[in-house]
Amino acid sequence: MPTRTQRAKPATPPSAPSRQLDTFENPAPERDYVIRFDIPEFTCLCPLTGQPDFAHFLIEIVADRHCVETKSLKQYFWSYRNEGAFHEKVTNAILSDLVKALAPRFVRISADWYVRGGIRTYVTAEHRKRGWRPAPPVQLPSLSGEPPAGGLAM
């Protein structure tokens, strides 16, 4: 019968929570494009009861000169796990930290806070760089050949 050995705990964990948002240069600063982050497992604590609060975050960024590095974003979100904070405060603090780190053309954070006390809360906050305007959306025909809603077939 094989013997079991316990894996030794590393002296330093390979990753840990951190409020440091690392960035890298935007590889295509000449154009607007949207970077979306879907974070379905956010956890923090209720500041009044200490019980866990859960949320699903969607972050949409139109970068300017810098993009956020994904691992640092994961560690950043992890850093809220044992912190008590109101939904509105957390959502806006995350937005402020991303704006400070990236100086993006645009960023929108949509937070879907799961039901607590019979109430589900949605918080959306956004930042727009002064003077930045998005290009108008392009309506393309569908694959079926039908015209897009409100448009003409090409």
C-alpha atoms as a PDB file:
ATOM      1  CA  MET A   1       0.000   0.000   0.000  1.00  0.00           C
ATOM      2  CA  PRO A   2       1.430   3.398  -0.986  1.00  0.00           C
ATOM      3  CA  THR A   3       2.244   5.831   1.773  1.00  0.00           C
ATOM      4  CA  ARG A   4       0.850   9.322   1.835  1.00  0.00           C
ATOM      5  CA  THR A   5       3.041  12.338   2.110  1.00  0.00           C
ATOM      6  CA  GLN A   6       1.777  15.779   2.848  1.00  0.00           C
ATOM      7  CA  ARG A   7       2.782  18.539   0.536  1.00  0.00           C
ATOM      8  CA  ALA A   8       4.814  21.170   2.340  1.00  0.00           C
ATOM      9  CA  LYS A   9       3.293  24.632   2.490  1.00  0.00           C
ATOM     10  CA  PRO A  10       5.464  27.069   0.518  1.00  0.00           C
ATOM     11  CA  ALA A  11       7.359  29.643   2.571  1.00  0.00           C
ATOM     12  CA  THR A  12       5.844  32.331   0.368  1.00  0.00           C
ATOM     13  CA  PRO A  13       2.528  31.715  -1.383  1.00  0.00           C
ATOM     14  CA  PRO A  14       2.733  31.934  -5.190  1.00  0.00           C
ATOM     15  CA  SER A  15       0.178  34.740  -5.137  1.00  0.00           C
ATOM     16  CA  ALA A  16      -1.541  36.860  -2.532  1.00  0.00           C
ATOM     17  CA  PRO A  17      -4.106  39.646  -2.349  1.00  0.00           C
ATOM     18  CA  SER A  18      -2.768  43.060  -3.344  1.00  0.00           C
ATOM     19  CA  ARG A  19      -4.069  46.549  -4.116  1.00  0.00           C
ATOM     20  CA  GLN A  20      -1.286  47.032  -6.683  1.00  0.00           C
ATOM     21  CA  LEU A  21      -2.680  47.274 -10.232  1.00  0.00           C
ATOM     22  CA  ASP A  22       0.100  46.488 -12.704  1.00  0.00           C
ATOM     23  CA  THR A  23      -0.143  47.846 -16.229  1.00  0.00           C
ATOM     24  CA  PHE A  24       1.434  47.358 -19.633  1.00  0.00           C
ATOM     25  CA  GLU A  25       1.541  49.530 -22.750  1.00  0.00           C
ATOM     26  CA  ASN A  26      -1.563  49.455 -24.931  1.00  0.00           C
ATOM     27  CA  PRO A  27      -0.575  47.458 -28.037  1.00  0.00           C
ATOM     28  CA  ALA A  28      -2.997  49.456 -30.252  1.00  0.00           C
ATOM     29  CA  PRO A  29      -3.304  53.002 -28.852  1.00  0.00           C
ATOM     30  CA  GLU A  30      -4.245  54.363 -32.283  1.00  0.00           C
ATOM     31  CA  ARG A  31      -7.778  52.907 -32.052  1.00  0.00           C
ATOM     32  CA  ASP A  32     -10.628  52.540 -29.620  1.00  0.00           C
ATOM     33  CA  TYR A  33     -11.401  48.965 -28.658  1.00  0.00           C
ATOM     34  CA  VAL A  34     -13.166  47.511 -25.643  1.00  0.00           C
ATOM     35  CA  ILE A  35     -11.493  45.240 -23.093  1.00  0.00           C
ATOM     36  CA  ARG A  36     -14.061  43.359 -20.969  1.00  0.00           C
ATOM     37  CA  PHE A  37     -13.361  41.627 -17.680  1.00  0.00           C
ATOM     38  CA  ASP A  38     -16.034  39.331 -16.250  1.00  0.00           C
ATOM     39  CA  ILE A  39     -15.510  38.718 -12.527  1.00  0.00           C
ATOM     40  CA  PRO A  40     -18.314  36.437 -11.286  1.00  0.00           C
ATOM     41  CA  GLU A  41     -16.909  35.573  -7.840  1.00  0.00           C
ATOM     42  CA  PHE A  42     -16.302  38.831  -5.965  1.00  0.00           C
ATOM     43  CA  THR A  43     -16.555  38.625  -2.184  1.00  0.00           C
ATOM     44  CA  CYS A  44     -16.320  41.206   0.574  1.00  0.00           C
ATOM     45  CA  LEU A  45     -17.972  41.606   3.969  1.00  0.00           C
ATOM     46  CA  CYS A  46     -21.050  43.536   5.023  1.00  0.00           C
ATOM     47  CA  PRO A  47     -19.714  46.463   7.093  1.00  0.00           C
ATOM     48  CA  LEU A  48     -22.621  46.172   9.534  1.00  0.00           C
ATOM     49  CA  THR A  49     -22.989  42.410  10.111  1.00  0.00           C
ATOM     50  CA  GLY A  50     -19.621  41.030   8.983  1.00  0.00           C
ATOM     51  CA  GLN A  51     -21.423  38.473   6.833  1.00  0.00           C
ATOM     52  CA  PRO A  52     -20.135  37.817   3.299  1.00  0.00           C
ATOM     53  CA  ASP A  53     -21.443  39.812   0.354  1.00  0.00           C
ATOM     54  CA  PHE A  54     -21.156  38.393  -3.159  1.00  0.00           C
ATOM     55  CA  ALA A  55     -21.155  40.225  -6.470  1.00  0.00           C
ATOM     56  CA  HIS A  56     -20.639  39.711 -10.185  1.00  0.00           C
ATOM     57  CA  PHE A  57     -18.574  42.501 -11.756  1.00  0.00           C
ATOM     58  CA  LEU A  58     -18.326  43.409 -15.426  1.00  0.00           C
ATOM     59  CA  ILE A  59     -15.604  45.922 -16.308  1.00  0.00           C
ATOM     60  CA  GLU A  60     -15.436  47.530 -19.755  1.00  0.00           C
ATOM     61  CA  ILE A  61     -12.377  49.608 -20.600  1.00  0.00           C
ATOM     62  CA  VAL A  62     -11.363  51.639 -23.628  1.00  0.00           C
ATOM     63  CA  ALA A  63      -7.656  51.967 -22.908  1.00  0.00           C
ATOM     64  CA  ASP A  64      -5.540  54.977 -23.743  1.00  0.00           C
ATOM     65  CA  ARG A  65      -1.823  54.381 -23.171  1.00  0.00           C
ATOM     66  CA  HIS A  66      -2.022  51.509 -20.644  1.00  0.00           C
ATOM     67  CA  CYS A  67      -3.915  48.264 -20.049  1.00  0.00           C
ATOM     68  CA  VAL A  68      -4.305  46.461 -16.731  1.00  0.00           C
ATOM     69  CA  GLU A  69      -2.471  43.163 -16.236  1.00  0.00           C
ATOM     70  CA  THR A  70      -4.985  40.380 -15.519  1.00  0.00           C
ATOM     71  CA  LYS A  71      -3.168  38.657 -12.632  1.00  0.00           C
ATOM     72  CA  SER A  72      -2.831  41.927 -10.745  1.00  0.00           C
ATOM     73  CA  LEU A  73      -6.547  42.591 -11.334  1.00  0.00           C
ATOM     74  CA  LYS A  74      -7.350  39.169  -9.843  1.00  0.00           C
ATOM     75  CA  GLN A  75      -5.173  39.872  -6.790  1.00  0.00           C
ATOM     76  CA  TYR A  76      -6.724  43.333  -6.478  1.00  0.00           C
ATOM     77  CA  PHE A  77     -10.258  41.908  -6.360  1.00  0.00           C
ATOM     78  CA  TRP A  78      -9.079  39.235  -3.926  1.00  0.00           C
ATOM     79  CA  SER A  79      -7.859  41.986  -1.562  1.00  0.00           C
ATOM     80  CA  TYR A  80     -11.485  42.915  -0.743  1.00  0.00           C
ATOM     81  CA  ARG A  81     -12.338  39.425   0.544  1.00  0.00           C
ATOM     82  CA  ASN A  82     -12.023  40.238   4.265  1.00  0.00           C
ATOM     83  CA  GLU A  83     -12.895  43.928   4.070  1.00  0.00           C
ATOM     84  CA  GLY A  84     -16.210  45.416   5.144  1.00  0.00           C
ATOM     85  CA  ALA A  85     -17.644  47.911   2.677  1.00  0.00           C
ATOM     86  CA  PHE A  86     -20.943  49.148   1.305  1.00  0.00           C
ATOM     87  CA  HIS A  87     -21.791  48.124  -2.278  1.00  0.00           C
ATOM     88  CA  GLU A  88     -21.707  51.672  -3.603  1.00  0.00           C
ATOM     89  CA  LYS A  89     -18.370  52.437  -1.932  1.00  0.00           C
ATOM     90  CA  VAL A  90     -16.636  49.295  -3.222  1.00  0.00           C
ATOM     91  CA  THR A  91     -17.875  49.779  -6.792  1.00  0.00           C
ATOM     92  CA  ASN A  92     -16.757  53.418  -6.893  1.00  0.00           C
ATOM     93  CA  ALA A  93     -13.421  52.685  -5.161  1.00  0.00           C
ATOM     94  CA  ILE A  94     -12.599  50.072  -7.802  1.00  0.00           C
ATOM     95  CA  LEU A  95     -13.457  52.569 -10.543  1.00  0.00           C
ATOM     96  CA  SER A  96     -11.254  55.248  -8.940  1.00  0.00           C
ATOM     97  CA  ASP A  97      -8.313  52.851  -8.583  1.00  0.00           C
ATOM     98  CA  LEU A  98      -8.574  51.738 -12.226  1.00  0.00           C
ATOM     99  CA  VAL A  99      -8.746  55.359 -13.421  1.00  0.00           C
ATOM    100  CA  LYS A 100      -5.707  56.256 -11.290  1.00  0.00           C
ATOM    101  CA  ALA A 101      -3.680  53.282 -12.590  1.00  0.00           C
ATOM    102  CA  LEU A 102      -4.702  53.453 -16.263  1.00  0.00           C
ATOM    103  CA  ALA A 103      -5.950  56.954 -17.143  1.00  0.00           C
ATOM    104  CA  PRO A 104      -8.277  55.233 -19.666  1.00  0.00           C
ATOM    105  CA  ARG A 105     -10.389  56.886 -22.336  1.00  0.00           C
ATOM    106  CA  PHE A 106     -13.434  55.205 -20.819  1.00  0.00           C
ATOM    107  CA  VAL A 107     -14.234  52.664 -18.116  1.00  0.00           C
ATOM    108  CA  ARG A 108     -17.576  51.337 -16.910  1.00  0.00           C
ATOM    109  CA  ILE A 109     -18.055  49.040 -13.926  1.00  0.00           C
ATOM    110  CA  SER A 110     -21.334  47.178 -13.526  1.00  0.00           C
ATOM    111  CA  ALA A 111     -21.739  45.362 -10.220  1.00  0.00           C
ATOM    112  CA  ASP A 112     -24.567  42.900  -9.611  1.00  0.00           C
ATOM    113  CA  TRP A 113     -24.715  42.458  -5.825  1.00  0.00           C
ATOM    114  CA  TYR A 114     -26.531  39.250  -4.951  1.00  0.00           C
ATOM    115  CA  VAL A 115     -29.667  39.216  -2.826  1.00  0.00           C
ATOM    116  CA  ARG A 116     -29.259  40.169   0.811  1.00  0.00           C
ATOM    117  CA  GLY A 117     -32.270  40.786   3.003  1.00  0.00           C
ATOM    118  CA  GLY A 118     -34.544  40.232   0.020  1.00  0.00           C
ATOM    119  CA  ILE A 119     -32.947  43.036  -2.037  1.00  0.00           C
ATOM    120  CA  ARG A 120     -30.640  42.693  -5.027  1.00  0.00           C
ATOM    121  CA  THR A 121     -28.497  45.747  -5.722  1.00  0.00           C
ATOM    122  CA  TYR A 122     -27.019  46.872  -9.051  1.00  0.00           C
ATOM    123  CA  VAL A 123     -24.392  49.594  -9.059  1.00  0.00           C
ATOM    124  CA  THR A 124     -22.987  51.044 -12.297  1.00  0.00           C
ATOM    125  CA  ALA A 125     -20.266  53.681 -12.312  1.00  0.00           C
ATOM    126  CA  GLU A 126     -18.280  55.082 -15.209  1.00  0.00           C
ATOM    127  CA  HIS A 127     -15.481  57.454 -16.082  1.00  0.00           C
ATOM    128  CA  ARG A 128     -14.947  59.238 -19.385  1.00  0.00           C
ATOM    129  CA  LYS A 129     -11.684  61.014 -20.193  1.00  0.00           C
ATOM    130  CA  ARG A 130     -12.315  64.707 -20.781  1.00  0.00           C
ATOM    131  CA  GLY A 131     -12.826  65.322 -24.499  1.00  0.00           C
ATOM    132  CA  TRP A 132     -13.097  61.644 -25.460  1.00  0.00           C
ATOM    133  CA  ARG A 133     -16.115  60.735 -27.584  1.00  0.00           C
ATOM    134  CA  PRO A 134     -16.877  57.218 -28.771  1.00  0.00           C
ATOM    135  CA  ALA A 135     -17.243  56.609 -32.486  1.00  0.00           C
ATOM    136  CA  PRO A 136     -20.843  55.999 -33.573  1.00  0.00           C
ATOM    137  CA  PRO A 137     -21.782  52.295 -33.644  1.00  0.00           C
ATOM    138  CA  VAL A 138     -21.639  50.528 -36.995  1.00  0.00           C
ATOM    139  CA  GLN A 139     -24.757  48.554 -37.949  1.00  0.00           C
ATOM    140  CA  LEU A 140     -23.805  45.514 -40.003  1.00  0.00           C
ATOM    141  CA  PRO A 141     -26.323  43.256 -41.748  1.00  0.00           C
ATOM    142  CA  SER A 142     -27.053  39.918 -40.114  1.00  0.00           C
ATOM    143  CA  LEU A 143     -25.856  36.683 -41.635  1.00  0.00           C
ATOM    144  CA  SER A 144     -29.421  35.878 -42.663  1.00  0.00           C
ATOM    145  CA  GLY A 145     -29.431  38.870 -45.013  1.00  0.00           C
ATOM    146  CA  GLU A 146     -32.118  40.678 -43.039  1.00  0.00           C
ATOM    147  CA  PRO A 147     -31.456  44.364 -42.452  1.00  0.00           C
ATOM    148  CA  PRO A 148     -30.327  45.413 -38.981  1.00  0.00           C
ATOM    149  CA  ALA A 149     -32.944  46.968 -36.756  1.00  0.00           C
ATOM    150  CA  GLY A 150     -33.688  50.460 -38.068  1.00  0.00           C
ATOM    151  CA  GLY A 151     -31.334  50.121 -41.033  1.00  0.00           C
ATOM    152  CA  LEU A 152     -31.283  49.160 -44.704  1.00  0.00           C
ATOM    153  CA  ALA A 153     -29.944  45.959 -46.183  1.00  0.00           C
ATOM    154  CA  MET A 154     -26.591  46.317 -47.930  1.00  0.00           C
END
